[in-house]
C-alpha atoms as a PDB file:
ATOM      1  CA  MET A   1      89.175  71.155 120.883  1.00  0.00           C
ATOM      2  CA  LYS A   2      92.604  72.741 121.015  1.00  0.00           C
ATOM      3  CA  PHE A   3      95.528  71.884 118.815  1.00  0.00           C
ATOM      4  CA  LYS A   4      98.572  73.117 117.001  1.00  0.00           C
ATOM      5  CA  LEU A   5      98.543  72.481 113.300  1.00  0.00           C
ATOM      6  CA  SER A   6     100.986  69.636 112.804  1.00  0.00           C
ATOM      7  CA  ASN A   7     100.460  68.695 109.166  1.00  0.00           C
ATOM      8  CA  LEU A   8      98.198  69.093 106.173  1.00  0.00           C
ATOM      9  CA  ALA A   9      96.022  66.207 107.306  1.00  0.00           C
ATOM     10  CA  THR A  10      95.180  68.090 110.485  1.00  0.00           C
ATOM     11  CA  LEU A  11      94.361  71.192 108.475  1.00  0.00           C
ATOM     12  CA  ALA A  12      92.159  69.190 106.102  1.00  0.00           C
ATOM     13  CA  ALA A  13      90.356  67.635 109.043  1.00  0.00           C
ATOM     14  CA  ALA A  14      89.701  71.094 110.443  1.00  0.00           C
ATOM     15  CA  PHE A  15      88.129  72.151 107.131  1.00  0.00           C
ATOM     16  CA  VAL A  16      85.804  69.151 107.332  1.00  0.00           C
ATOM     17  CA  ILE A  17      84.883  70.061 110.897  1.00  0.00           C
ATOM     18  CA  ILE A  18      84.007  73.609 109.864  1.00  0.00           C
ATOM     19  CA  SER A  19      82.032  72.619 106.796  1.00  0.00           C
ATOM     20  CA  GLY A  20      79.899  70.272 108.855  1.00  0.00           C
ATOM     21  CA  SER A  21      79.462  72.562 111.856  1.00  0.00           C
ATOM     22  CA  MET A  22      76.178  73.153 113.604  1.00  0.00           C
ATOM     23  CA  ASN A  23      75.218  75.864 116.084  1.00  0.00           C
ATOM     24  CA  ALA A  24      75.612  73.746 119.179  1.00  0.00           C
ATOM     25  CA  ALA A  25      75.658  75.208 122.678  1.00  0.00           C
ATOM     26  CA  GLU A  26      79.128  76.212 123.762  1.00  0.00           C
ATOM     27  CA  PRO A  27      80.396  73.812 126.446  1.00  0.00           C
ATOM     28  CA  TYR A  28      82.584  76.300 128.331  1.00  0.00           C
ATOM     29  CA  LYS A  29      82.505  77.295 131.998  1.00  0.00           C
ATOM     30  CA  HIS A  30      84.761  79.662 133.898  1.00  0.00           C
ATOM     31  CA  GLY A  31      87.292  78.079 136.215  1.00  0.00           C
ATOM     32  CA  PRO A  32      88.553  79.254 139.621  1.00  0.00           C
ATOM     33  CA  ASP A  33      91.146  81.645 138.187  1.00  0.00           C
ATOM     34  CA  SER A  34      88.295  83.667 136.654  1.00  0.00           C
ATOM     35  CA  MET A  35      86.625  84.045 140.044  1.00  0.00           C
ATOM     36  CA  ARG A  36      87.440  86.035 143.161  1.00  0.00           C
ATOM     37  CA  GLN A  37      89.573  84.024 145.592  1.00  0.00           C
ATOM     38  CA  ASP A  38      90.043  84.552 149.328  1.00  0.00           C
ATOM     39  CA  GLY A  39      93.405  86.015 150.201  1.00  0.00           C
ATOM     40  CA  VAL A  40      94.173  87.367 146.721  1.00  0.00           C
ATOM     41  CA  PRO A  41      95.007  91.095 146.677  1.00  0.00           C
ATOM     42  CA  VAL A  42      92.602  93.106 144.528  1.00  0.00           C
ATOM     43  CA  GLY A  43      93.889  95.634 142.024  1.00  0.00           C
ATOM     44  CA  LYS A  44      92.322  99.007 141.349  1.00  0.00           C
ATOM     45  CA  VAL A  45      90.475  99.978 138.155  1.00  0.00           C
ATOM     46  CA  THR A  46      89.898 103.611 137.208  1.00  0.00           C
ATOM     47  CA  LYS A  47      87.961 105.002 134.241  1.00  0.00           C
ATOM     48  CA  HIS A  48      89.233 107.828 132.030  1.00  0.00           C
ATOM     49  CA  GLN A  49      88.440 109.589 128.762  1.00  0.00           C
ATOM     50  CA  PHE A  50      90.759 110.560 125.923  1.00  0.00           C
ATOM     51  CA  LYS A  51      89.678 113.177 123.380  1.00  0.00           C
ATOM     52  CA  THR A  52      92.805 114.969 122.143  1.00  0.00           C
ATOM     53  CA  SER A  53      94.009 112.593 119.427  1.00  0.00           C
ATOM     54  CA  GLN A  54      95.758 114.166 116.456  1.00  0.00           C
ATOM     55  CA  LEU A  55      96.011 110.843 114.625  1.00  0.00           C
ATOM     56  CA  PHE A  56      92.263 110.168 114.919  1.00  0.00           C
ATOM     57  CA  PRO A  57      91.024 113.780 115.032  1.00  0.00           C
ATOM     58  CA  GLY A  58      87.638 114.446 116.545  1.00  0.00           C
ATOM     59  CA  THR A  59      87.403 111.099 118.324  1.00  0.00           C
ATOM     60  CA  VAL A  60      86.464 110.572 121.947  1.00  0.00           C
ATOM     61  CA  ARG A  61      87.027 107.281 123.780  1.00  0.00           C
ATOM     62  CA  ASP A  62      86.756 105.796 127.234  1.00  0.00           C
ATOM     63  CA  TYR A  63      89.605 103.803 128.680  1.00  0.00           C
ATOM     64  CA  TRP A  64      90.310 102.066 131.954  1.00  0.00           C
ATOM     65  CA  ILE A  65      93.563 101.515 133.846  1.00  0.00           C
ATOM     66  CA  TYR A  66      94.050  98.453 136.037  1.00  0.00           C
ATOM     67  CA  VAL A  67      96.808  98.687 138.641  1.00  0.00           C
ATOM     68  CA  PRO A  68      97.629  95.519 140.608  1.00  0.00           C
ATOM     69  CA  ALA A  69      97.904  95.676 144.381  1.00  0.00           C
ATOM     70  CA  GLN A  70     101.556  94.583 144.054  1.00  0.00           C
ATOM     71  CA  TYR A  71     102.523  97.600 141.933  1.00  0.00           C
ATOM     72  CA  ASP A  72     105.570  99.447 143.270  1.00  0.00           C
ATOM     73  CA  GLU A  73     106.165 102.786 141.569  1.00  0.00           C
ATOM     74  CA  SER A  74     109.920 102.369 142.009  1.00  0.00           C
ATOM     75  CA  LYS A  75     109.875  99.311 139.723  1.00  0.00           C
ATOM     76  CA  PRO A  76     108.772  99.350 136.065  1.00  0.00           C
ATOM     77  CA  ALA A  77     105.566  97.353 135.571  1.00  0.00           C
ATOM     78  CA  ALA A  78     104.740  95.128 132.624  1.00  0.00           C
ATOM     79  CA  LEU A  79     102.015  96.396 130.289  1.00  0.00           C
ATOM     80  CA  MET A  80      99.070  94.788 128.544  1.00  0.00           C
ATOM     81  CA  VAL A  81      96.726  96.740 126.289  1.00  0.00           C
ATOM     82  CA  PHE A  82      93.259  95.531 125.262  1.00  0.00           C
ATOM     83  CA  GLN A  83      91.097  96.825 122.430  1.00  0.00           C
ATOM     84  CA  ASP A  84      87.317  96.960 123.065  1.00  0.00           C
ATOM     85  CA  GLY A  85      88.439  97.609 126.613  1.00  0.00           C
ATOM     86  CA  GLY A  86      84.975  97.872 128.111  1.00  0.00           C
ATOM     87  CA  SER A  87      84.324  94.211 127.335  1.00  0.00           C
ATOM     88  CA  TYR A  88      87.631  93.030 128.805  1.00  0.00           C
ATOM     89  CA  VAL A  89      87.524  95.100 131.997  1.00  0.00           C
ATOM     90  CA  ASN A  90      83.973  93.986 132.911  1.00  0.00           C
ATOM     91  CA  GLU A  91      84.242  91.585 135.856  1.00  0.00           C
ATOM     92  CA  ARG A  92      80.815  90.116 135.097  1.00  0.00           C
ATOM     93  CA  GLY A  93      81.425  89.567 131.403  1.00  0.00           C
ATOM     94  CA  SER A  94      83.132  86.816 129.462  1.00  0.00           C
ATOM     95  CA  PHE A  95      86.734  87.881 130.067  1.00  0.00           C
ATOM     96  CA  ARG A  96      86.803  89.174 133.662  1.00  0.00           C
ATOM     97  CA  THR A  97      90.352  90.330 133.029  1.00  0.00           C
ATOM     98  CA  PRO A  98      90.978  92.256 136.298  1.00  0.00           C
ATOM     99  CA  ILE A  99      90.034  89.141 138.286  1.00  0.00           C
ATOM    100  CA  VAL A 100      92.262  86.927 136.151  1.00  0.00           C
ATOM    101  CA  PHE A 101      95.130  89.419 136.475  1.00  0.00           C
ATOM    102  CA  ASP A 102      94.718  89.488 140.257  1.00  0.00           C
ATOM    103  CA  ASN A 103      94.824  85.696 140.501  1.00  0.00           C
ATOM    104  CA  LEU A 104      97.701  85.115 138.077  1.00  0.00           C
ATOM    105  CA  ILE A 105      99.859  87.925 139.469  1.00  0.00           C
ATOM    106  CA  HIS A 106      99.280  86.541 142.971  1.00  0.00           C
ATOM    107  CA  GLN A 107     100.312  83.078 141.748  1.00  0.00           C
ATOM    108  CA  LYS A 108     103.345  84.592 139.979  1.00  0.00           C
ATOM    109  CA  LYS A 109     102.136  83.158 136.672  1.00  0.00           C
ATOM    110  CA  MET A 110     102.442  86.609 135.115  1.00  0.00           C
ATOM    111  CA  PRO A 111     104.454  89.669 136.132  1.00  0.00           C
ATOM    112  CA  VAL A 112     103.121  92.702 137.951  1.00  0.00           C
ATOM    113  CA  THR A 113     101.217  94.120 135.001  1.00  0.00           C
ATOM    114  CA  ILE A 114      99.309  97.335 134.440  1.00  0.00           C
ATOM    115  CA  GLY A 115      96.347  96.814 132.137  1.00  0.00           C
ATOM    116  CA  VAL A 116      95.089  99.529 129.788  1.00  0.00           C
ATOM    117  CA  PHE A 117      91.631  98.785 128.395  1.00  0.00           C
ATOM    118  CA  ILE A 118      90.751 101.086 125.487  1.00  0.00           C
ATOM    119  CA  ASN A 119      87.459 101.510 123.672  1.00  0.00           C
ATOM    120  CA  PRO A 120      87.458 102.468 119.973  1.00  0.00           C
ATOM    121  CA  GLY A 121      86.989 106.100 119.136  1.00  0.00           C
ATOM    122  CA  VAL A 122      83.637 107.737 118.529  1.00  0.00           C
ATOM    123  CA  ILE A 123      83.077 111.008 116.685  1.00  0.00           C
ATOM    124  CA  PRO A 124      80.225 112.720 118.553  1.00  0.00           C
ATOM    125  CA  ALA A 125      77.219 114.012 116.642  1.00  0.00           C
ATOM    126  CA  THR A 126      77.283 117.750 116.030  1.00  0.00           C
ATOM    127  CA  GLN A 127      73.516 118.187 115.834  1.00  0.00           C
ATOM    128  CA  SER A 128      70.866 117.469 118.424  1.00  0.00           C
ATOM    129  CA  GLY A 129      69.347 114.062 117.777  1.00  0.00           C
ATOM    130  CA  GLY A 130      72.187 113.061 115.470  1.00  0.00           C
ATOM    131  CA  ARG A 131      74.108 109.815 115.720  1.00  0.00           C
ATOM    132  CA  ASP A 132      77.687 109.478 116.818  1.00  0.00           C
ATOM    133  CA  ARG A 133      80.021 108.058 114.162  1.00  0.00           C
ATOM    134  CA  LYS A 134      81.880 104.924 115.173  1.00  0.00           C
ATOM    135  CA  ASN A 135      85.551 104.817 114.208  1.00  0.00           C
ATOM    136  CA  ARG A 136      86.123 101.199 115.276  1.00  0.00           C
ATOM    137  CA  SER A 137      86.564  99.492 111.910  1.00  0.00           C
ATOM    138  CA  PHE A 138      88.853 102.209 110.568  1.00  0.00           C
ATOM    139  CA  GLU A 139      91.044 102.022 113.658  1.00  0.00           C
ATOM    140  CA  TYR A 140      91.032  98.246 114.132  1.00  0.00           C
ATOM    141  CA  ASP A 141      90.714  96.653 110.681  1.00  0.00           C
ATOM    142  CA  SER A 142      93.067  98.921 108.760  1.00  0.00           C
ATOM    143  CA  LEU A 143      96.570  97.678 108.037  1.00  0.00           C
ATOM    144  CA  GLY A 144      99.590  99.862 108.739  1.00  0.00           C
ATOM    145  CA  ASP A 145     100.975 101.607 111.793  1.00  0.00           C
ATOM    146  CA  LEU A 146      98.396 104.330 112.471  1.00  0.00           C
ATOM    147  CA  TYR A 147      96.728 102.676 115.451  1.00  0.00           C
ATOM    148  CA  VAL A 148      99.937 101.518 117.112  1.00  0.00           C
ATOM    149  CA  ARG A 149     101.286 105.052 116.671  1.00  0.00           C
ATOM    150  CA  PHE A 150      98.173 106.320 118.425  1.00  0.00           C
ATOM    151  CA  LEU A 151      98.982 104.028 121.350  1.00  0.00           C
ATOM    152  CA  ILE A 152     102.703 104.777 121.509  1.00  0.00           C
ATOM    153  CA  GLU A 153     102.638 108.490 120.697  1.00  0.00           C
ATOM    154  CA  GLU A 154      99.348 109.657 122.202  1.00  0.00           C
ATOM    155  CA  LEU A 155      97.506 107.518 124.734  1.00  0.00           C
ATOM    156  CA  LEU A 156     100.175 105.510 126.563  1.00  0.00           C
ATOM    157  CA  PRO A 157     102.292 108.611 127.317  1.00  0.00           C
ATOM    158  CA  VAL A 158      99.276 109.871 129.284  1.00  0.00           C
ATOM    159  CA  VAL A 159      99.268 106.660 131.303  1.00  0.00           C
ATOM    160  CA  GLU A 160     103.028 106.974 131.855  1.00  0.00           C
ATOM    161  CA  GLN A 161     102.517 110.334 133.520  1.00  0.00           C
ATOM    162  CA  ASP A 162     101.118 108.468 136.519  1.00  0.00           C
ATOM    163  CA  TYR A 163     102.644 104.996 136.303  1.00  0.00           C
ATOM    164  CA  ASN A 164     106.101 103.530 135.808  1.00  0.00           C
ATOM    165  CA  LEU A 165     105.816 101.320 132.712  1.00  0.00           C
ATOM    166  CA  THR A 166     108.528  99.056 131.373  1.00  0.00           C
ATOM    167  CA  ASP A 167     110.582  99.913 128.296  1.00  0.00           C
ATOM    168  CA  ASP A 168     111.239  96.196 127.690  1.00  0.00           C
ATOM    169  CA  GLU A 169     109.248  94.911 124.701  1.00  0.00           C
ATOM    170  CA  SER A 170     109.298  91.369 126.144  1.00  0.00           C
ATOM    171  CA  GLN A 171     107.166  92.733 128.986  1.00  0.00           C
ATOM    172  CA  ARG A 172     104.523  94.361 126.773  1.00  0.00           C
ATOM    173  CA  ALA A 173     101.485  92.576 125.359  1.00  0.00           C
ATOM    174  CA  ILE A 174      98.373  93.521 123.406  1.00  0.00           C
ATOM    175  CA  GLY A 175      95.051  91.760 122.849  1.00  0.00           C
ATOM    176  CA  GLY A 176      91.553  92.063 121.496  1.00  0.00           C
ATOM    177  CA  ILE A 177      88.490  90.333 120.105  1.00  0.00           C
ATOM    178  CA  SER A 178      87.250  90.215 116.500  1.00  0.00           C
ATOM    179  CA  SER A 179      88.491  93.389 114.770  1.00  0.00           C
ATOM    180  CA  GLY A 180      90.313  94.122 118.016  1.00  0.00           C
ATOM    181  CA  GLY A 181      92.142  90.817 117.568  1.00  0.00           C
ATOM    182  CA  ILE A 182      93.534  91.670 114.149  1.00  0.00           C
ATOM    183  CA  CYS A 183      94.292  95.150 115.492  1.00  0.00           C
ATOM    184  CA  ALA A 184      96.424  93.583 118.235  1.00  0.00           C
ATOM    185  CA  TRP A 185      98.312  91.530 115.654  1.00  0.00           C
ATOM    186  CA  THR A 186      98.815  94.584 113.407  1.00  0.00           C
ATOM    187  CA  ALA A 187     100.199  96.607 116.317  1.00  0.00           C
ATOM    188  CA  ALA A 188     102.800  93.944 117.093  1.00  0.00           C
ATOM    189  CA  TRP A 189     103.514  93.264 113.408  1.00  0.00           C
ATOM    190  CA  GLU A 190     104.243  96.935 112.796  1.00  0.00           C
ATOM    191  CA  ARG A 191     106.097  97.520 116.070  1.00  0.00           C
ATOM    192  CA  PRO A 192     107.495  94.241 117.434  1.00  0.00           C
ATOM    193  CA  ASP A 193     110.079  96.405 119.174  1.00  0.00           C
ATOM    194  CA  TYR A 194     107.211  97.670 121.348  1.00  0.00           C
ATOM    195  CA  PHE A 195     104.677  94.809 121.617  1.00  0.00           C
ATOM    196  CA  SER A 196     106.085  91.278 121.654  1.00  0.00           C
ATOM    197  CA  LYS A 197     102.988  89.341 122.763  1.00  0.00           C
ATOM    198  CA  VAL A 198      99.569  89.073 121.079  1.00  0.00           C
ATOM    199  CA  LEU A 199      96.277  87.620 122.331  1.00  0.00           C
ATOM    200  CA  SER A 200      93.602  87.342 119.622  1.00  0.00           C
ATOM    201  CA  HIS A 201      90.051  86.141 120.281  1.00  0.00           C
ATOM    202  CA  VAL A 202      88.060  85.233 117.129  1.00  0.00           C
ATOM    203  CA  GLY A 203      90.318  87.610 115.219  1.00  0.00           C
ATOM    204  CA  SER A 204      88.982  89.157 112.016  1.00  0.00           C
ATOM    205  CA  PHE A 205      91.775  88.050 109.677  1.00  0.00           C
ATOM    206  CA  THR A 206      89.360  88.479 106.782  1.00  0.00           C
ATOM    207  CA  ASN A 207      88.900  91.012 103.996  1.00  0.00           C
ATOM    208  CA  ILE A 208      87.193  93.801 105.904  1.00  0.00           C
ATOM    209  CA  ARG A 209      90.029  96.222 105.132  1.00  0.00           C
ATOM    210  CA  GLY A 210      92.617  93.865 103.662  1.00  0.00           C
ATOM    211  CA  GLY A 211      93.521  91.762 106.705  1.00  0.00           C
ATOM    212  CA  HIS A 212      93.159  88.527 104.745  1.00  0.00           C
ATOM    213  CA  VAL A 213      96.699  89.086 103.398  1.00  0.00           C
ATOM    214  CA  TYR A 214      98.389  88.332 106.713  1.00  0.00           C
ATOM    215  CA  PRO A 215      98.956  84.581 106.207  1.00  0.00           C
ATOM    216  CA  ALA A 216     100.799  85.319 102.956  1.00  0.00           C
ATOM    217  CA  LEU A 217     102.747  88.195 104.517  1.00  0.00           C
ATOM    218  CA  ILE A 218     103.771  86.027 107.464  1.00  0.00           C
ATOM    219  CA  ARG A 219     105.024  83.292 105.137  1.00  0.00           C
ATOM    220  CA  LYS A 220     107.049  85.710 102.991  1.00  0.00           C
ATOM    221  CA  THR A 221     108.464  87.919 105.749  1.00  0.00           C
ATOM    222  CA  GLU A 222     111.377  87.093 108.009  1.00  0.00           C
ATOM    223  CA  ARG A 223     110.036  85.923 111.364  1.00  0.00           C
ATOM    224  CA  LYS A 224     109.420  88.744 113.802  1.00  0.00           C
ATOM    225  CA  PRO A 225     109.930  88.413 117.577  1.00  0.00           C
ATOM    226  CA  ILE A 226     106.234  87.969 118.363  1.00  0.00           C
ATOM    227  CA  ARG A 227     104.583  85.376 120.609  1.00  0.00           C
ATOM    228  CA  ALA A 228     100.913  84.850 119.660  1.00  0.00           C
ATOM    229  CA  TYR A 229      97.929  83.055 121.166  1.00  0.00           C
ATOM    230  CA  LEU A 230      94.964  82.713 118.784  1.00  0.00           C
ATOM    231  CA  GLN A 231      91.510  81.486 119.794  1.00  0.00           C
ATOM    232  CA  GLU A 232      88.842  80.588 117.235  1.00  0.00           C
ATOM    233  CA  GLY A 233      85.621  78.545 116.985  1.00  0.00           C
ATOM    234  CA  ARG A 234      84.153  76.427 114.222  1.00  0.00           C
ATOM    235  CA  ASN A 235      80.810  78.250 114.485  1.00  0.00           C
ATOM    236  CA  ASP A 236      82.318  81.675 113.845  1.00  0.00           C
ATOM    237  CA  LEU A 237      81.223  84.012 111.051  1.00  0.00           C
ATOM    238  CA  ASP A 238      81.029  83.255 107.346  1.00  0.00           C
ATOM    239  CA  ASN A 239      79.982  86.302 105.311  1.00  0.00           C
ATOM    240  CA  LEU A 240      80.992  88.599 102.457  1.00  0.00           C
ATOM    241  CA  HIS A 241      84.260  89.474 104.214  1.00  0.00           C
ATOM    242  CA  GLY A 242      85.346  85.855 104.494  1.00  0.00           C
ATOM    243  CA  ASN A 243      85.201  82.777 106.702  1.00  0.00           C
ATOM    244  CA  TRP A 244      86.588  83.460 110.180  1.00  0.00           C
ATOM    245  CA  PRO A 245      87.485  79.859 111.099  1.00  0.00           C
ATOM    246  CA  LEU A 246      89.331  79.317 107.810  1.00  0.00           C
ATOM    247  CA  ALA A 247      91.098  82.654 108.135  1.00  0.00           C
ATOM    248  CA  ASN A 248      92.344  81.779 111.615  1.00  0.00           C
ATOM    249  CA  LEU A 249      93.408  78.319 110.460  1.00  0.00           C
ATOM    250  CA  GLN A 250      95.423  79.990 107.707  1.00  0.00           C
ATOM    251  CA  MET A 251      96.996  82.302 110.283  1.00  0.00           C
ATOM    252  CA  ALA A 252      97.944  79.365 112.481  1.00  0.00           C
ATOM    253  CA  ALA A 253      99.376  77.453 109.517  1.00  0.00           C
ATOM    254  CA  ALA A 254     101.459  80.463 108.471  1.00  0.00           C
ATOM    255  CA  LEU A 255     102.758  80.961 112.012  1.00  0.00           C
ATOM    256  CA  LYS A 256     103.719  77.301 112.131  1.00  0.00           C
ATOM    257  CA  TYR A 257     105.450  77.525 108.753  1.00  0.00           C
ATOM    258  CA  GLN A 258     107.586  80.451 109.913  1.00  0.00           C
ATOM    259  CA  LYS A 259     108.282  78.775 113.273  1.00  0.00           C
ATOM    260  CA  TYR A 260     106.651  81.428 115.412  1.00  0.00           C
ATOM    261  CA  ASP A 261     106.100  80.856 119.112  1.00  0.00           C
ATOM    262  CA  TYR A 262     102.319  80.458 118.888  1.00  0.00           C
ATOM    263  CA  ASN A 263      99.363  78.602 120.341  1.00  0.00           C
ATOM    264  CA  PHE A 264      96.072  78.008 118.539  1.00  0.00           C
ATOM    265  CA  ALA A 265      92.937  77.128 120.499  1.00  0.00           C
ATOM    266  CA  PHE A 266      90.197  75.934 118.125  1.00  0.00           C
ATOM    267  CA  GLY A 267      86.853  75.127 119.711  1.00  0.00           C
ATOM    268  CA  GLU A 268      83.102  75.003 119.250  1.00  0.00           C
ATOM    269  CA  GLY A 269      82.355  78.680 119.683  1.00  0.00           C
ATOM    270  CA  GLY A 270      80.835  81.413 117.578  1.00  0.00           C
ATOM    271  CA  HIS A 271      81.721  85.080 117.211  1.00  0.00           C
ATOM    272  CA  ASN A 272      81.804  85.943 120.887  1.00  0.00           C
ATOM    273  CA  GLY A 273      84.057  85.933 123.932  1.00  0.00           C
ATOM    274  CA  ILE A 274      82.688  82.833 125.669  1.00  0.00           C
ATOM    275  CA  HIS A 275      85.494  80.380 124.873  1.00  0.00           C
ATOM    276  CA  GLY A 276      88.206  83.016 124.881  1.00  0.00           C
ATOM    277  CA  GLY A 277      86.993  84.273 128.246  1.00  0.00           C
ATOM    278  CA  VAL A 278      87.138  80.821 129.785  1.00  0.00           C
ATOM    279  CA  LEU A 279      90.654  80.422 128.354  1.00  0.00           C
ATOM    280  CA  MET A 280      91.900  83.773 129.719  1.00  0.00           C
ATOM    281  CA  PRO A 281      93.863  82.278 132.648  1.00  0.00           C
ATOM    282  CA  GLU A 282      95.435  79.619 130.424  1.00  0.00           C
ATOM    283  CA  SER A 283      96.199  81.981 127.553  1.00  0.00           C
ATOM    284  CA  LEU A 284      97.744  84.650 129.782  1.00  0.00           C
ATOM    285  CA  THR A 285      99.816  82.065 131.632  1.00  0.00           C
ATOM    286  CA  TRP A 286     101.092  80.780 128.284  1.00  0.00           C
ATOM    287  CA  LEU A 287     101.809  84.278 126.907  1.00  0.00           C
ATOM    288  CA  TRP A 288     103.704  85.434 130.005  1.00  0.00           C
ATOM    289  CA  ARG A 289     105.724  82.265 130.612  1.00  0.00           C
ATOM    290  CA  GLU A 290     109.437  82.918 130.954  1.00  0.00           C
ATOM    291  CA  GLU A 291     110.761  80.070 128.766  1.00  0.00           C
END
């Protein structure tokens, strides 16, 4: 099921759907744009590590850079950043983003785009046998501009040393899943002059670190120049932090109220990337459309 919230009756119906949900199998299969196609140029993916952050001191993280075959260093490329980058860059996983990029760029459904896929930071153990400390929730679920500053001031300048990236905010997008989804929204919310497009898969717009306030903030704040695609499923989480389907419905309703350019895909899924992965070609085509 996919819809835009048109009225309160639709919203009420969605609440009924959620309250009566069962853990059914997810009826989603990847389409041709998520698979390798003959004659489509293949981009290059390289793996890197970043461990000199001053904003998140002591953290180490892997990241990957995707460069399309059509990239011309004399022309600024569009940019799309993904949180939990290891999941998005995996060509055998749910998202298969490099394959989708290859196909859509070849079809001219999205611009020549460099992808930066970033894992959350980890603070390595200092003693033998100790456990690394994960910094993911602090980085992703926190409100404010700290994470987007990390991107703009620390990590992306490293990427720009080797690649010609656009300075046009309309050609920069950011996405993620779960806490990475709310992180993507926060980055654009704080710096819409830098990121103008958001892709959120089962976003955690719940009270993990205060993110449940976004629907109210959206309603009471002058509309920002952000285009957003939200994906959610009726079998998503319901726990002490909140109810993920209801939180995403509230987000969609608030975006509608403030007349944002948004799309809301509501399906059968749980807290995973299955539905969002199948929708990657459609969601990216929608986000990058020129109208």
